[in-house]
C-alpha atoms as a PDB file:
ATOM      1  CA  MET A   1      68.763 131.277 117.704  1.00  0.00           C
ATOM      2  CA  ARG A   2      69.194 131.064 121.458  1.00  0.00           C
ATOM      3  CA  SER A   3      66.547 128.365 121.662  1.00  0.00           C
ATOM      4  CA  GLY A   4      68.421 126.168 119.183  1.00  0.00           C
ATOM      5  CA  HIS A   5      71.624 126.652 121.214  1.00  0.00           C
ATOM      6  CA  LEU A   6      69.622 125.625 124.332  1.00  0.00           C
ATOM      7  CA  ALA A   7      68.245 122.625 122.640  1.00  0.00           C
ATOM      8  CA  ALA A   8      71.705 121.409 121.587  1.00  0.00           C
ATOM      9  CA  SER A   9      73.038 121.750 125.207  1.00  0.00           C
ATOM     10  CA  THR A  10      70.066 119.929 126.366  1.00  0.00           C
ATOM     11  CA  ALA A  11      70.860 117.054 123.999  1.00  0.00           C
ATOM     12  CA  VAL A  12      74.468 116.733 125.273  1.00  0.00           C
ATOM     13  CA  VAL A  13      73.447 116.798 128.842  1.00  0.00           C
ATOM     14  CA  ALA A  14      70.778 114.158 128.319  1.00  0.00           C
ATOM     15  CA  HIS A  15      73.375 112.076 126.661  1.00  0.00           C
ATOM     16  CA  ARG A  16      75.937 112.299 129.549  1.00  0.00           C
ATOM     17  CA  PRO A  17      73.884 110.277 132.172  1.00  0.00           C
ATOM     18  CA  PHE A  18      73.660 107.388 129.769  1.00  0.00           C
ATOM     19  CA  SER A  19      77.392 107.172 129.305  1.00  0.00           C
ATOM     20  CA  MET A  20      77.829 107.632 133.065  1.00  0.00           C
ATOM     21  CA  ARG A  21      75.514 104.770 133.656  1.00  0.00           C
ATOM     22  CA  TRP A  22      77.649 102.590 131.295  1.00  0.00           C
ATOM     23  CA  LEU A  23      80.795 103.646 133.248  1.00  0.00           C
ATOM     24  CA  ILE A  24      79.209 102.905 136.687  1.00  0.00           C
ATOM     25  CA  LEU A  25      78.032  99.596 135.294  1.00  0.00           C
ATOM     26  CA  ILE A  26      81.543  98.549 133.981  1.00  0.00           C
ATOM     27  CA  LEU A  27      83.083  99.710 137.217  1.00  0.00           C
ATOM     28  CA  ALA A  28      80.711  97.749 139.296  1.00  0.00           C
ATOM     29  CA  ALA A  29      81.340  94.635 137.157  1.00  0.00           C
ATOM     30  CA  LEU A  30      85.145  95.013 137.604  1.00  0.00           C
ATOM     31  CA  THR A  31      84.686  95.633 141.340  1.00  0.00           C
ATOM     32  CA  LEU A  32      82.624  92.510 141.689  1.00  0.00           C
ATOM     33  CA  SER A  33      85.068  90.302 139.794  1.00  0.00           C
ATOM     34  CA  LEU A  34      87.895  91.294 142.097  1.00  0.00           C
ATOM     35  CA  PRO A  35      86.983  89.152 145.260  1.00  0.00           C
ATOM     36  CA  ALA A  36      87.303  86.045 143.159  1.00  0.00           C
ATOM     37  CA  ARG A  37      90.763  86.778 142.070  1.00  0.00           C
ATOM     38  CA  ALA A  38      91.713  87.837 145.766  1.00  0.00           C
ATOM     39  CA  SER A  39      90.361  84.432 147.130  1.00  0.00           C
ATOM     40  CA  ALA A  40      92.693  82.431 144.824  1.00  0.00           C
ATOM     41  CA  SER A  41      95.556  84.819 145.776  1.00  0.00           C
ATOM     42  CA  ASP A  42      94.656  84.479 149.516  1.00  0.00           C
ATOM     43  CA  ALA A  43      94.961  80.679 149.268  1.00  0.00           C
ATOM     44  CA  GLU A  44      98.417  80.997 147.657  1.00  0.00           C
ATOM     45  CA  VAL A  45      99.586  83.433 150.349  1.00  0.00           C
ATOM     46  CA  GLN A  46      98.411  81.095 153.082  1.00  0.00           C
ATOM     47  CA  THR A  47     100.117  78.072 151.772  1.00  0.00           C
ATOM     48  CA  THR A  48     103.294  80.104 151.348  1.00  0.00           C
ATOM     49  CA  TRP A  49     102.792  81.366 154.977  1.00  0.00           C
ATOM     50  CA  ARG A  50     102.362  77.917 156.283  1.00  0.00           C
ATOM     51  CA  LEU A  51     105.477  76.600 154.488  1.00  0.00           C
ATOM     52  CA  LEU A  52     107.465  79.437 155.895  1.00  0.00           C
ATOM     53  CA  ASP A  53     106.133  78.806 159.360  1.00  0.00           C
ATOM     54  CA  TYR A  54     106.889  75.143 159.208  1.00  0.00           C
ATOM     55  CA  ILE A  55     110.468  75.906 158.158  1.00  0.00           C
ATOM     56  CA  ALA A  56     110.870  78.385 161.027  1.00  0.00           C
ATOM     57  CA  VAL A  57     109.396  76.055 163.648  1.00  0.00           C
ATOM     58  CA  ASP A  58     111.340  72.993 162.721  1.00  0.00           C
ATOM     59  CA  TYR A  59     114.750  74.551 161.899  1.00  0.00           C
ATOM     60  CA  SER A  60     115.975  73.819 165.170  1.00  0.00           C
ATOM     61  CA  GLY A  61     115.317  70.195 164.816  1.00  0.00           C
ATOM     62  CA  ALA A  62     117.496  69.881 161.712  1.00  0.00           C
ATOM     63  CA  VAL A  63     120.245  72.476 162.445  1.00  0.00           C
ATOM     64  CA  SER A  64     122.076  73.116 165.728  1.00  0.00           C
ATOM     65  CA  ASP A  65     125.127  75.206 166.265  1.00  0.00           C
ATOM     66  CA  GLY A  66     125.327  75.901 162.443  1.00  0.00           C
ATOM     67  CA  ARG A  67     125.537  72.091 161.725  1.00  0.00           C
ATOM     68  CA  VAL A  68     122.921  69.892 160.265  1.00  0.00           C
ATOM     69  CA  THR A  69     121.801  67.353 162.757  1.00  0.00           C
ATOM     70  CA  SER A  70     119.066  65.770 160.820  1.00  0.00           C
ATOM     71  CA  ALA A  71     119.725  65.244 157.133  1.00  0.00           C
ATOM     72  CA  ALA A  72     115.950  64.261 156.479  1.00  0.00           C
ATOM     73  CA  GLU A  73     114.485  67.237 158.226  1.00  0.00           C
ATOM     74  CA  TYR A  74     117.051  69.559 156.510  1.00  0.00           C
ATOM     75  CA  ALA A  75     116.217  68.120 153.061  1.00  0.00           C
ATOM     76  CA  GLU A  76     112.598  68.459 153.783  1.00  0.00           C
ATOM     77  CA  MET A  77     113.056  72.151 154.767  1.00  0.00           C
ATOM     78  CA  THR A  78     115.190  72.764 151.641  1.00  0.00           C
ATOM     79  CA  GLU A  79     112.443  71.389 149.450  1.00  0.00           C
ATOM     80  CA  PHE A  80     109.884  73.635 151.270  1.00  0.00           C
ATOM     81  CA  ALA A  81     112.153  76.624 150.890  1.00  0.00           C
ATOM     82  CA  GLY A  82     112.434  75.928 147.140  1.00  0.00           C
ATOM     83  CA  GLN A  83     108.613  75.873 146.937  1.00  0.00           C
ATOM     84  CA  VAL A  84     108.432  79.186 148.817  1.00  0.00           C
ATOM     85  CA  GLU A  85     110.840  80.753 146.387  1.00  0.00           C
ATOM     86  CA  ALA A  86     108.900  79.536 143.395  1.00  0.00           C
ATOM     87  CA  ARG A  87     105.656  80.912 144.668  1.00  0.00           C
ATOM     88  CA  ILE A  88     107.091  84.299 145.569  1.00  0.00           C
ATOM     89  CA  ARG A  89     108.661  84.597 142.011  1.00  0.00           C
ATOM     90  CA  VAL A  90     105.382  83.885 140.307  1.00  0.00           C
END
């Protein structure tokens, strides 16, 4: 009777490495797919950052002492600010 119990235990142990291999394979596939998503996200982040940088640098050319001094520059920054807001909300 003991040998039958040992054989059943061995069968379960032999089966575990096979399912562990599948788990490792699935995790590896998921891990390898992450950089592709991160690259697309990085591009969006970089574009948003550039828009924010542009607004920050050119603000003094459009606004002085709390008043708009260049309507065209201010309109452009307002448009960029809207794009930044839309990108952040997504």
